[in-house]
Amino acid sequence: MSIIELLASISLLALSIFFYLIKNTKSRASSKSDPDLPKSYPLIGSSVAIFANRKRLIQWTSDLIRNSPSATVVLHRFLDDSRVVTGDPANVQHMLKTQFQNYEKGSKSRRALFDFLGNGIFNIDGDSWKFQRQLSSHEFSTKSLRKFVETVVDAELSQRLIPILSAAAATNAVLDFQDILQRFAFDNICKIAFGYDPAYLLPGLPEAEFAKTFDEAAKISSGRLISVFPYLWKIKSFLNIGSEKRLKEASSQLREFAKDIIKEKKQQISKNSSLESVDLLSRFLSSGHSDEDFVTDIVISFILAGRDTTSAALTWYFWLLSQNQEVEKEVLREIKEKSERPVYEEVKDMAYTHASLCESMRLYPPVPIDSKVAMHDDVLPDGTVVKKGMRVSYHPYAMGRLEMLWGSDWEKFRPERWLESATDGANKAGKWRFVARDPYTYPVFQAGPRICLGKDMAFLQMKRVVAGILRRFKVVPVAEDGFEPVFVAYLTSKMKGGFPVRFEERDD
């Protein structure tokens, strides 16, 4: 196909979208079968409504699920590309466990993320995934890795994060706390994954080329994944123009950077075979996995997971604490019962803090929606018919807002819903016992065979950060009364426009 023909196709597609957008503004008629669903037109399905809500797709699909009696909806897209979106725990269990072999990442998702993630663990299925999962699971289960994570997190907290916050408190400076937490998480995960320190969280908040390139690649890849008309990014990729050209450049730069580190690590290991393998890269290389592409893909995947999820969770957590003073007081009371020594067991036993983090992620999950593709025809437990090749998404953001799962007070930030008294009767001693929800009602860390390997380490890091910050500072958002931050999602969630705050030193 010539470039002229491609441009003609783009023009025709744009005119088609424009025509239906005009029609949609004149009449927002609902589906006759379900008045809460957007109208579906021949050929393009509900693409008009999807396009119109593209900037709040998570909230819009959440509303559809909450208004559906079954907590499941079917959306028809361009050229009869039907998708199921569900918040029913039985359906989630069916997808992620019972019929795990039938629901895979799928070729479309794999192509959209391939330039960025390659054949990493989050972008593959089948035997390749099983091999990487087993390899990674072994390393994540070791006490030595857990100890290394503790050491890295505590060093970054005491030597970088706390001094920056202290300086801001002394001058009454406003910082974008979301940016600070992203820098903190990026330094941590690069040290844990690569044994490399990008020094992203330093006074003056310098630019770090690797971090900037990584963020750019993640955003463009996310845009591919959620595109209403994926043909457009494929055409841009074919022509090597715009964002697609930049994605290729960014992905190439990331891989070259990663391979340079791999070569250095190999040299270190060859010169000193007794060298302690602490970071993940060294562990993989020392165990005989020396293929550079394989190791690069798996480590980049872990950086993505470790960088964005914990920082997203903590950003929304500190916002919710600022709006719920009684919860903050209870978290602070629990923190003060613990010594300042970075002991894993003490942090692990902070039941109320753990519950408050779970409650925050119920309302603002780091990964608000996740999708699989059916390999064969199927029927979900609620009776929804799934055809081979259909994309089926479970929606943690919507599930955290379902009254049938969390009660009529689901809007309230209430950590107590995760707790019971550690003693009979009233909780006089102030002791709590954490009571987990099943992972299909609360799939924030996925569930089934793909459940998050780094879940325990994520909680360890988050609780250390919460304890380290709240013991010394009160976090005060710089916002007018009544201001509500906007939840946006790329591959992971963000707070639109950042999270500007001041820090006040605690006197007590």
Protein backbone atom coordinates (compact mmCIF):
# COMPACT_ATOMS: atom_id res chain seq x y z
CA MET A 1 0.00 0.00 0.00
CA SER A 2 1.38 3.41 -0.96
CA ILE A 3 1.70 6.34 1.43
CA ILE A 4 -1.00 8.22 -0.52
CA GLU A 5 -3.42 5.32 -0.05
CA LEU A 6 -2.62 5.18 3.64
CA LEU A 7 -3.22 8.90 4.08
CA ALA A 8 -6.49 8.58 2.17
CA SER A 9 -7.57 5.81 4.54
CA ILE A 10 -6.74 7.99 7.55
CA SER A 11 -8.78 10.85 6.08
CA LEU A 12 -11.79 8.62 5.46
CA LEU A 13 -11.58 7.23 8.98
CA ALA A 14 -11.38 10.74 10.45
CA LEU A 15 -14.43 11.83 8.44
CA SER A 16 -16.34 8.78 9.65
CA ILE A 17 -15.51 9.59 13.28
CA PHE A 18 -16.47 13.24 12.77
CA PHE A 19 -19.83 12.31 11.21
CA TYR A 20 -20.80 10.03 14.05
CA LEU A 21 -19.60 12.45 16.72
CA ILE A 22 -21.94 15.09 15.27
CA LYS A 23 -24.77 12.56 15.24
CA ASN A 24 -23.97 11.61 18.82
CA THR A 25 -24.19 15.19 20.07
CA LYS A 26 -27.67 15.48 18.54
CA SER A 27 -28.99 12.27 19.97
CA ARG A 28 -27.56 10.29 22.88
CA ALA A 29 -30.18 7.59 22.57
CA SER A 30 -29.68 4.51 24.71
CA SER A 31 -29.70 0.87 23.79
CA LYS A 32 -33.22 -0.57 23.77
CA SER A 33 -32.05 -3.71 25.51
CA ASP A 34 -30.30 -1.87 28.33
CA PRO A 35 -30.96 1.85 28.84
CA ASP A 36 -27.72 2.26 30.78
CA LEU A 37 -25.53 1.10 27.90
CA PRO A 38 -24.31 3.50 25.19
CA LYS A 39 -26.02 3.29 21.82
CA SER A 40 -24.45 0.85 19.39
CA TYR A 41 -24.39 1.70 15.68
CA PRO A 42 -23.83 -0.62 12.72
CA LEU A 43 -20.17 -1.13 11.82
CA ILE A 44 -18.73 1.14 14.53
CA GLY A 45 -20.65 -0.19 17.55
CA SER A 46 -20.31 2.09 20.58
CA SER A 47 -17.03 3.61 19.36
CA VAL A 48 -18.61 7.08 19.43
CA ALA A 49 -19.34 6.87 23.15
CA ILE A 50 -15.98 5.25 23.84
CA PHE A 51 -14.22 8.04 21.94
CA ALA A 52 -16.27 10.72 23.70
CA ASN A 53 -15.27 9.25 27.09
CA ARG A 54 -11.67 8.44 26.17
CA LYS A 55 -10.25 10.85 28.77
CA ARG A 56 -12.26 9.26 31.60
CA LEU A 57 -12.56 5.72 30.29
CA ILE A 58 -11.94 4.12 33.69
CA GLN A 59 -14.66 6.17 35.41
CA TRP A 60 -17.11 5.74 32.53
CA THR A 61 -16.78 1.95 32.35
CA SER A 62 -16.95 1.84 36.15
CA ASP A 63 -20.28 3.66 36.02
CA LEU A 64 -21.55 1.18 33.42
CA ILE A 65 -20.61 -1.75 35.63
CA ARG A 66 -22.15 -0.19 38.74
CA ASN A 67 -25.40 0.43 36.85
CA SER A 68 -25.54 -3.12 35.50
CA PRO A 69 -27.54 -5.64 37.61
CA SER A 70 -24.94 -8.30 36.78
CA ALA A 71 -21.92 -5.99 37.19
CA THR A 72 -20.98 -7.01 33.65
CA VAL A 73 -21.37 -5.14 30.34
CA VAL A 74 -20.56 -5.92 26.73
CA LEU A 75 -19.25 -3.03 24.63
CA HIS A 76 -19.25 -3.22 20.84
CA ARG A 77 -16.43 -1.39 19.13
CA PHE A 78 -15.31 -0.70 15.57
CA LEU A 79 -15.90 -3.61 13.11
CA ASP A 80 -17.79 -5.69 15.70
CA ASP A 81 -14.86 -5.86 18.10
CA SER A 82 -16.90 -6.83 21.16
CA ARG A 83 -15.45 -6.61 24.66
CA VAL A 84 -16.71 -7.83 28.01
CA VAL A 85 -16.02 -5.67 31.08
CA THR A 86 -16.88 -7.19 34.45
CA GLY A 87 -16.82 -6.50 38.16
CA ASP A 88 -18.32 -9.84 39.21
CA PRO A 89 -15.89 -11.78 41.47
CA ALA A 90 -17.19 -15.10 40.12
CA ASN A 91 -16.27 -14.00 36.60
CA VAL A 92 -12.87 -12.81 37.80
CA GLN A 93 -12.16 -16.17 39.42
CA HIS A 94 -13.31 -17.93 36.26
CA MET A 95 -10.85 -15.89 34.14
CA LEU A 96 -7.86 -15.83 36.45
CA LYS A 97 -8.05 -19.31 37.97
CA THR A 98 -10.73 -21.80 36.92
CA GLN A 99 -10.27 -21.26 33.19
CA PHE A 100 -6.80 -19.72 33.38
CA GLN A 101 -5.58 -21.60 30.29
CA ASN A 102 -8.39 -20.09 28.18
CA TYR A 103 -7.65 -16.46 29.00
CA GLU A 104 -4.31 -15.10 27.80
CA LYS A 105 -2.76 -11.71 27.13
CA GLY A 106 -3.53 -12.14 23.46
CA SER A 107 -1.73 -11.11 20.29
CA LYS A 108 -3.19 -7.57 20.08
CA SER A 109 -2.00 -6.63 23.55
CA ARG A 110 1.31 -8.30 22.93
CA ARG A 111 1.87 -6.32 19.71
CA ALA A 112 0.88 -3.05 21.38
CA LEU A 113 3.41 -3.52 24.20
CA PHE A 114 6.13 -5.41 22.36
CA ASP A 115 8.36 -2.45 21.47
CA PHE A 116 8.48 -1.52 25.15
CA LEU A 117 8.29 -4.83 27.03
CA GLY A 118 9.47 -7.27 24.38
CA ASN A 119 9.10 -10.85 25.60
CA GLY A 120 9.06 -9.86 29.26
CA ILE A 121 6.94 -11.71 31.81
CA PHE A 122 4.02 -9.25 31.59
CA ASN A 123 3.72 -9.57 27.82
CA ILE A 124 3.82 -13.30 27.16
CA ASP A 125 1.74 -16.44 27.63
CA GLY A 126 2.15 -20.19 27.61
CA ASP A 127 5.43 -21.99 28.23
CA SER A 128 7.53 -18.81 27.94
CA TRP A 129 5.50 -17.18 30.69
CA LYS A 130 5.62 -20.33 32.82
CA PHE A 131 9.42 -20.47 32.56
CA GLN A 132 9.90 -16.80 33.50
CA ARG A 133 7.36 -17.14 36.31
CA GLN A 134 9.17 -20.12 37.82
CA LEU A 135 12.54 -18.42 37.51
CA SER A 136 11.28 -15.19 39.07
CA SER A 137 9.26 -16.95 41.76
CA HIS A 138 12.37 -18.72 42.99
CA GLU A 139 14.30 -15.48 43.34
CA PHE A 140 11.42 -13.59 45.00
CA SER A 141 11.05 -16.30 47.62
CA THR A 142 14.63 -15.97 48.90
CA LYS A 143 15.32 -14.30 52.24
CA SER A 144 18.44 -12.71 50.78
CA LEU A 145 16.41 -10.75 48.21
CA ARG A 146 13.98 -9.62 50.89
CA LYS A 147 16.89 -8.42 53.01
CA PHE A 148 18.39 -6.61 50.02
CA VAL A 149 15.06 -4.86 49.37
CA GLU A 150 14.90 -3.76 53.02
CA THR A 151 18.41 -2.34 52.81
CA VAL A 152 17.76 -0.48 49.56
CA VAL A 153 14.46 1.01 50.72
CA ASP A 154 15.79 2.13 54.10
CA ALA A 155 18.88 3.73 52.55
CA GLU A 156 16.81 5.63 49.98
CA LEU A 157 14.38 6.70 52.71
CA SER A 158 16.92 7.93 55.26
CA GLN A 159 19.59 9.31 52.92
CA ARG A 160 17.44 10.91 50.23
CA LEU A 161 13.70 11.14 50.84
CA ILE A 162 13.64 12.35 54.45
CA PRO A 163 16.35 15.03 53.93
CA ILE A 164 14.48 16.44 50.91
CA LEU A 165 11.22 16.59 52.88
CA SER A 166 13.01 18.18 55.85
CA ALA A 167 14.44 20.89 53.60
CA ALA A 168 10.99 21.54 52.12
CA ALA A 169 9.45 21.77 55.59
CA ALA A 170 12.11 24.25 56.73
CA THR A 171 11.43 26.61 53.82
CA ASN A 172 7.66 25.94 53.56
CA ALA A 173 8.27 24.87 49.96
CA VAL A 174 5.62 23.19 47.82
CA LEU A 175 6.63 19.87 46.26
CA ASP A 176 4.82 17.63 43.81
CA PHE A 177 4.59 14.62 46.10
CA GLN A 178 3.59 12.35 43.23
CA ASP A 179 6.83 13.20 41.45
CA ILE A 180 8.83 12.71 44.64
CA LEU A 181 7.32 9.27 45.23
CA GLN A 182 7.90 8.26 41.60
CA ARG A 183 11.56 9.28 41.89
CA PHE A 184 11.87 7.37 45.15
CA ALA A 185 10.32 4.24 43.64
CA PHE A 186 12.40 4.50 40.47
CA ASP A 187 15.68 4.66 42.38
CA ASN A 188 14.60 1.69 44.49
CA ILE A 189 13.49 -0.58 41.68
CA CYS A 190 16.53 0.19 39.51
CA LYS A 191 18.81 -0.79 42.39
CA ILE A 192 16.78 -3.93 43.08
CA ALA A 193 16.42 -4.96 39.43
CA PHE A 194 19.73 -3.78 37.89
CA GLY A 195 21.99 -2.93 40.79
CA TYR A 196 22.07 0.51 39.17
CA ASP A 197 21.43 3.82 40.95
CA PRO A 198 19.88 6.45 38.63
CA ALA A 199 20.11 9.02 41.46
CA TYR A 200 16.72 10.41 40.45
CA LEU A 201 15.75 11.54 43.95
CA LEU A 202 18.35 14.19 44.76
CA PRO A 203 18.12 17.82 45.96
CA GLY A 204 17.20 19.95 42.98
CA LEU A 205 15.24 17.00 41.52
CA PRO A 206 17.46 16.51 38.46
CA GLU A 207 16.39 15.07 35.14
CA ALA A 208 17.46 11.47 34.66
CA GLU A 209 17.61 10.41 31.02
CA PHE A 210 16.82 6.78 31.74
CA ALA A 211 13.77 7.70 33.86
CA LYS A 212 12.49 10.22 31.30
CA THR A 213 12.88 7.75 28.44
CA PHE A 214 11.23 4.98 30.44
CA ASP A 215 8.24 7.19 31.26
CA GLU A 216 7.85 8.24 27.64
CA ALA A 217 7.90 4.66 26.38
CA ALA A 218 5.34 3.62 29.00
CA LYS A 219 2.92 6.45 28.11
CA ILE A 220 3.07 5.86 24.35
CA SER A 221 2.66 2.10 24.82
CA SER A 222 -0.33 2.72 27.07
CA GLY A 223 -1.86 4.92 24.37
CA ARG A 224 -1.52 2.05 21.92
CA LEU A 225 -3.24 -0.32 24.29
CA ILE A 226 -6.31 1.82 24.95
CA SER A 227 -6.64 3.29 21.46
CA VAL A 228 -10.21 3.34 20.15
CA PHE A 229 -8.85 2.99 16.61
CA PRO A 230 -5.63 0.93 16.80
CA TYR A 231 -5.23 1.16 13.04
CA LEU A 232 -4.01 4.72 13.53
CA TRP A 233 -1.00 3.85 15.67
CA LYS A 234 -0.17 0.98 13.33
CA ILE A 235 -0.18 3.36 10.35
CA LYS A 236 2.01 5.83 12.24
CA SER A 237 4.34 2.98 13.15
CA PHE A 238 4.53 1.88 9.50
CA LEU A 239 5.35 5.43 8.43
CA ASN A 240 7.67 5.88 11.44
CA ILE A 241 6.21 9.27 12.34
CA GLY A 242 5.10 11.16 15.47
CA SER A 243 4.74 9.27 18.75
CA GLU A 244 5.49 5.95 17.07
CA LYS A 245 8.87 7.18 15.90
CA ARG A 246 9.60 8.40 19.42
CA LEU A 247 8.54 5.04 20.91
CA LYS A 248 11.00 3.18 18.69
CA GLU A 249 13.76 5.60 19.68
CA ALA A 250 12.91 5.39 23.40
CA SER A 251 12.68 1.58 23.39
CA SER A 252 16.00 1.33 21.58
CA GLN A 253 17.65 3.67 24.09
CA LEU A 254 16.27 1.65 27.03
CA ARG A 255 17.57 -1.60 25.60
CA GLU A 256 20.98 -0.21 24.79
CA PHE A 257 21.24 1.17 28.32
CA ALA A 258 20.14 -2.14 29.83
CA LYS A 259 22.55 -4.15 27.71
CA ASP A 260 25.46 -1.93 28.72
CA ILE A 261 24.68 -2.69 32.37
CA ILE A 262 24.36 -6.41 31.57
CA LYS A 263 27.80 -6.43 29.95
CA GLU A 264 29.30 -4.74 33.00
CA LYS A 265 27.62 -7.26 35.30
CA LYS A 266 28.90 -10.17 33.23
CA GLN A 267 32.44 -8.82 33.46
CA GLN A 268 32.14 -8.39 37.23
CA ILE A 269 30.84 -11.94 37.65
CA SER A 270 33.51 -13.44 35.36
CA LYS A 271 36.28 -11.67 37.29
CA ASN A 272 34.90 -12.63 40.67
CA SER A 273 32.75 -15.75 40.65
CA SER A 274 32.23 -15.44 44.40
CA LEU A 275 30.66 -11.99 43.97
CA GLU A 276 27.46 -11.84 45.99
CA SER A 277 24.45 -11.76 43.67
CA VAL A 278 22.03 -9.35 45.32
CA ASP A 279 20.09 -7.55 42.58
CA LEU A 280 17.79 -9.48 40.24
CA LEU A 281 20.00 -9.03 37.19
CA SER A 282 23.03 -10.51 38.96
CA ARG A 283 20.90 -13.38 40.22
CA PHE A 284 19.64 -14.23 36.73
CA LEU A 285 23.13 -14.00 35.21
CA SER A 286 24.72 -16.04 37.99
CA SER A 287 22.14 -18.80 37.52
CA GLY A 288 23.21 -19.21 33.90
CA HIS A 289 20.69 -17.02 32.05
CA SER A 290 23.07 -14.98 29.95
CA ASP A 291 20.97 -14.19 26.87
CA GLU A 292 20.93 -10.38 26.82
CA ASP A 293 17.52 -9.98 25.17
CA PHE A 294 15.88 -12.41 27.59
CA VAL A 295 17.38 -10.77 30.68
CA THR A 296 16.69 -7.24 29.39
CA ASP A 297 13.01 -7.97 28.76
CA ILE A 298 12.38 -9.52 32.14
CA VAL A 299 14.21 -6.79 34.08
CA ILE A 300 12.44 -3.95 32.20
CA SER A 301 9.12 -5.60 33.10
CA PHE A 302 10.06 -5.60 36.78
CA ILE A 303 11.11 -1.96 36.64
CA LEU A 304 7.69 -1.07 35.18
CA ALA A 305 5.90 -3.01 37.91
CA GLY A 306 8.00 -1.71 40.79
CA ARG A 307 8.25 1.90 39.67
CA ASP A 308 4.67 2.90 38.99
CA THR A 309 2.52 0.72 41.22
CA THR A 310 3.91 1.61 44.65
CA SER A 311 4.26 5.31 43.85
CA ALA A 312 0.67 5.42 42.53
CA ALA A 313 -0.64 3.63 45.62
CA LEU A 314 1.23 5.96 48.00
CA THR A 315 0.17 9.14 46.17
CA TRP A 316 -3.50 8.35 46.64
CA TYR A 317 -2.89 7.03 50.16
CA PHE A 318 -1.44 10.30 51.42
CA TRP A 319 -4.29 12.23 49.77
CA LEU A 320 -6.87 10.08 51.55
CA LEU A 321 -5.06 10.43 54.89
CA SER A 322 -5.12 14.21 54.53
CA GLN A 323 -8.89 14.05 54.11
CA ASN A 324 -9.46 11.60 56.99
CA GLN A 325 -7.75 12.89 60.12
CA GLU A 326 -9.04 10.14 62.41
CA VAL A 327 -7.49 7.47 60.21
CA GLU A 328 -4.20 9.39 60.15
CA LYS A 329 -4.22 9.58 63.96
CA GLU A 330 -4.72 5.83 64.25
CA VAL A 331 -1.94 5.11 61.72
CA LEU A 332 0.37 7.49 63.60
CA ARG A 333 -0.48 5.85 66.92
CA GLU A 334 0.50 2.47 65.51
CA ILE A 335 3.73 3.86 64.01
CA LYS A 336 4.78 5.35 67.35
CA GLU A 337 4.42 1.96 69.01
CA LYS A 338 7.23 0.70 66.79
CA SER A 339 10.88 1.57 67.12
CA GLU A 340 12.64 3.44 64.34
CA ARG A 341 14.84 0.46 63.58
CA PRO A 342 14.13 -0.90 60.08
CA VAL A 343 13.05 -4.35 61.21
CA TYR A 344 10.88 -6.27 58.75
CA GLU A 345 8.86 -8.11 61.40
CA GLU A 346 7.80 -4.86 63.09
CA VAL A 347 6.65 -3.31 59.84
CA LYS A 348 4.88 -6.50 58.84
CA ASP A 349 2.80 -6.44 62.04
CA MET A 350 1.40 -2.94 61.49
CA ALA A 351 -2.14 -4.23 60.98
CA TYR A 352 -3.99 -0.90 60.91
CA THR A 353 -1.49 0.66 58.50
CA HIS A 354 -1.72 -2.44 56.30
CA ALA A 355 -5.52 -2.20 56.33
CA SER A 356 -5.44 1.49 55.47
CA LEU A 357 -3.19 0.80 52.48
CA CYS A 358 -5.56 -1.94 51.27
CA GLU A 359 -8.51 0.41 51.72
CA SER A 360 -6.76 3.12 49.72
CA MET A 361 -6.02 0.71 46.86
CA ARG A 362 -9.64 -0.45 46.93
CA LEU A 363 -10.67 3.06 45.94
CA TYR A 364 -7.64 3.91 43.80
CA PRO A 365 -6.00 0.72 42.50
CA PRO A 366 -2.59 1.17 40.84
CA VAL A 367 -3.78 -0.99 37.91
CA PRO A 368 -7.46 -0.03 37.52
CA ILE A 369 -8.34 -2.50 34.75
CA ASP A 370 -6.73 -5.58 33.22
CA SER A 371 -7.67 -7.58 30.15
CA LYS A 372 -7.38 -11.09 28.77
CA VAL A 373 -8.39 -12.67 25.47
CA ALA A 374 -10.49 -15.84 25.17
CA MET A 375 -8.69 -18.59 23.27
CA HIS A 376 -11.94 -20.55 22.84
CA ASP A 377 -15.69 -19.95 23.11
CA ASP A 378 -16.81 -19.77 26.73
CA VAL A 379 -19.66 -18.79 29.04
CA LEU A 380 -18.91 -16.79 32.20
CA PRO A 381 -20.56 -17.80 35.50
CA ASP A 382 -23.10 -14.97 35.15
CA GLY A 383 -24.19 -16.30 31.75
CA THR A 384 -22.29 -13.83 29.56
CA VAL A 385 -21.36 -15.51 26.27
CA VAL A 386 -17.71 -15.07 25.28
CA LYS A 387 -16.62 -15.87 21.74
CA LYS A 388 -13.13 -16.93 20.73
CA GLY A 389 -10.92 -13.87 20.33
CA MET A 390 -13.07 -11.58 22.51
CA ARG A 391 -11.30 -9.40 25.04
CA VAL A 392 -12.57 -9.80 28.61
CA SER A 393 -11.56 -7.20 31.21
CA TYR A 394 -11.93 -7.28 34.97
CA HIS A 395 -12.19 -3.87 36.59
CA PRO A 396 -10.65 -3.42 40.09
CA TYR A 397 -11.54 0.30 40.12
CA ALA A 398 -15.23 -0.47 39.57
CA MET A 399 -15.17 -3.44 41.94
CA GLY A 400 -13.97 -1.22 44.77
CA ARG A 401 -17.10 0.88 44.25
CA LEU A 402 -19.71 -1.88 44.14
CA GLU A 403 -22.24 -1.76 46.95
CA MET A 404 -22.86 -5.50 46.64
CA LEU A 405 -19.21 -6.12 47.57
CA TRP A 406 -18.43 -3.36 50.09
CA GLY A 407 -21.78 -2.21 51.43
CA SER A 408 -23.65 1.08 51.25
CA ASP A 409 -20.69 2.96 52.75
CA TRP A 410 -18.30 1.96 49.94
CA GLU A 411 -17.47 5.63 49.33
CA LYS A 412 -15.98 5.99 52.81
CA PHE A 413 -12.28 5.49 53.45
CA ARG A 414 -12.68 3.06 56.34
CA PRO A 415 -9.72 0.76 57.14
CA GLU A 416 -11.80 -0.93 59.85
CA ARG A 417 -13.65 -2.91 57.17
CA TRP A 418 -10.43 -4.96 56.88
CA LEU A 419 -9.97 -5.48 60.62
CA GLU A 420 -11.29 -7.34 63.59
CA SER A 421 -10.34 -7.06 67.23
CA ALA A 422 -7.36 -9.18 68.21
CA THR A 423 -9.11 -9.90 71.54
CA ASP A 424 -12.65 -10.84 72.42
CA GLY A 425 -15.08 -8.03 72.93
CA ALA A 426 -14.14 -4.36 72.59
CA ASN A 427 -10.79 -3.42 71.16
CA LYS A 428 -9.58 -1.99 74.49
CA ALA A 429 -5.91 -2.71 73.92
CA GLY A 430 -5.92 -0.99 70.57
CA LYS A 431 -4.83 -4.23 68.87
CA TRP A 432 -6.15 -5.26 65.49
CA ARG A 433 -6.10 -8.40 63.37
CA PHE A 434 -6.05 -7.93 59.62
CA VAL A 435 -8.70 -9.89 57.70
CA ALA A 436 -7.93 -10.20 54.00
CA ARG A 437 -10.59 -10.31 51.29
CA ASP A 438 -10.43 -13.06 48.72
CA PRO A 439 -8.31 -12.02 45.70
CA TYR A 440 -11.24 -12.27 43.28
CA THR A 441 -13.26 -9.68 45.19
CA TYR A 442 -10.12 -7.58 45.56
CA PRO A 443 -7.92 -8.34 42.50
CA VAL A 444 -5.60 -5.35 43.01
CA PHE A 445 -2.60 -7.70 42.86
CA GLN A 446 -4.19 -9.95 40.24
CA ALA A 447 -5.09 -13.48 41.36
CA GLY A 448 -4.60 -17.11 40.43
CA PRO A 449 -1.36 -18.27 38.76
CA ARG A 450 -0.46 -14.70 37.73
CA ILE A 451 -0.83 -13.17 41.20
CA CYS A 452 1.79 -10.48 41.81
CA LEU A 453 5.14 -11.92 42.91
CA GLY A 454 6.18 -8.64 44.51
CA LYS A 455 3.08 -8.16 46.65
CA ASP A 456 4.81 -8.70 50.02
CA MET A 457 7.76 -6.55 49.04
CA ALA A 458 5.43 -3.80 47.85
CA PHE A 459 3.70 -3.72 51.24
CA LEU A 460 7.08 -3.74 52.98
CA GLN A 461 8.21 -0.72 50.97
CA MET A 462 4.93 1.18 51.37
CA LYS A 463 4.77 0.65 55.13
CA ARG A 464 8.39 1.73 55.58
CA VAL A 465 7.68 4.91 53.59
CA VAL A 466 4.45 5.64 55.48
CA ALA A 467 6.15 5.10 58.86
CA GLY A 468 9.24 7.09 57.92
CA ILE A 469 7.26 10.09 56.65
CA LEU A 470 4.34 10.28 59.10
CA ARG A 471 6.58 9.87 62.15
CA ARG A 472 8.28 13.14 61.18
CA PHE A 473 5.87 15.11 59.00
CA LYS A 474 2.29 16.04 58.42
CA VAL A 475 1.51 16.07 54.69
CA VAL A 476 -0.68 19.05 53.79
CA PRO A 477 -2.14 19.26 50.28
CA VAL A 478 -1.98 22.65 48.58
CA ALA A 479 -5.55 22.75 47.34
CA GLU A 480 -8.76 24.62 47.95
CA ASP A 481 -11.41 23.11 50.18
CA GLY A 482 -13.58 20.73 48.23
CA PHE A 483 -10.93 20.04 45.60
CA GLU A 484 -11.04 16.49 44.25
CA PRO A 485 -7.99 15.20 42.35
CA VAL A 486 -8.64 13.43 39.05
CA PHE A 487 -7.76 9.76 38.64
CA VAL A 488 -6.13 9.03 35.28
CA ALA A 489 -4.68 5.79 33.96
CA TYR A 490 -1.85 4.91 31.62
CA LEU A 491 -0.40 1.45 32.16
CA THR A 492 -0.85 2.37 35.82
CA SER A 493 -2.84 5.07 37.58
CA LYS A 494 -1.78 8.66 38.21
CA MET A 495 -3.13 11.80 39.86
CA LYS A 496 -3.75 14.30 37.06
CA GLY A 497 -1.60 17.39 37.39
CA GLY A 498 0.45 15.96 40.24
CA PHE A 499 -0.02 16.21 44.02
CA PRO A 500 1.29 19.57 45.33
CA VAL A 501 1.84 19.50 49.10
CA ARG A 502 3.69 21.14 51.98
CA PHE A 503 5.36 19.27 54.82
CA GLU A 504 5.03 20.29 58.45
CA GLU A 505 7.47 18.96 61.04
CA ARG A 506 5.68 17.22 63.89
CA ASP A 507 6.35 18.59 67.38
CA ASP A 508 5.20 15.50 69.24
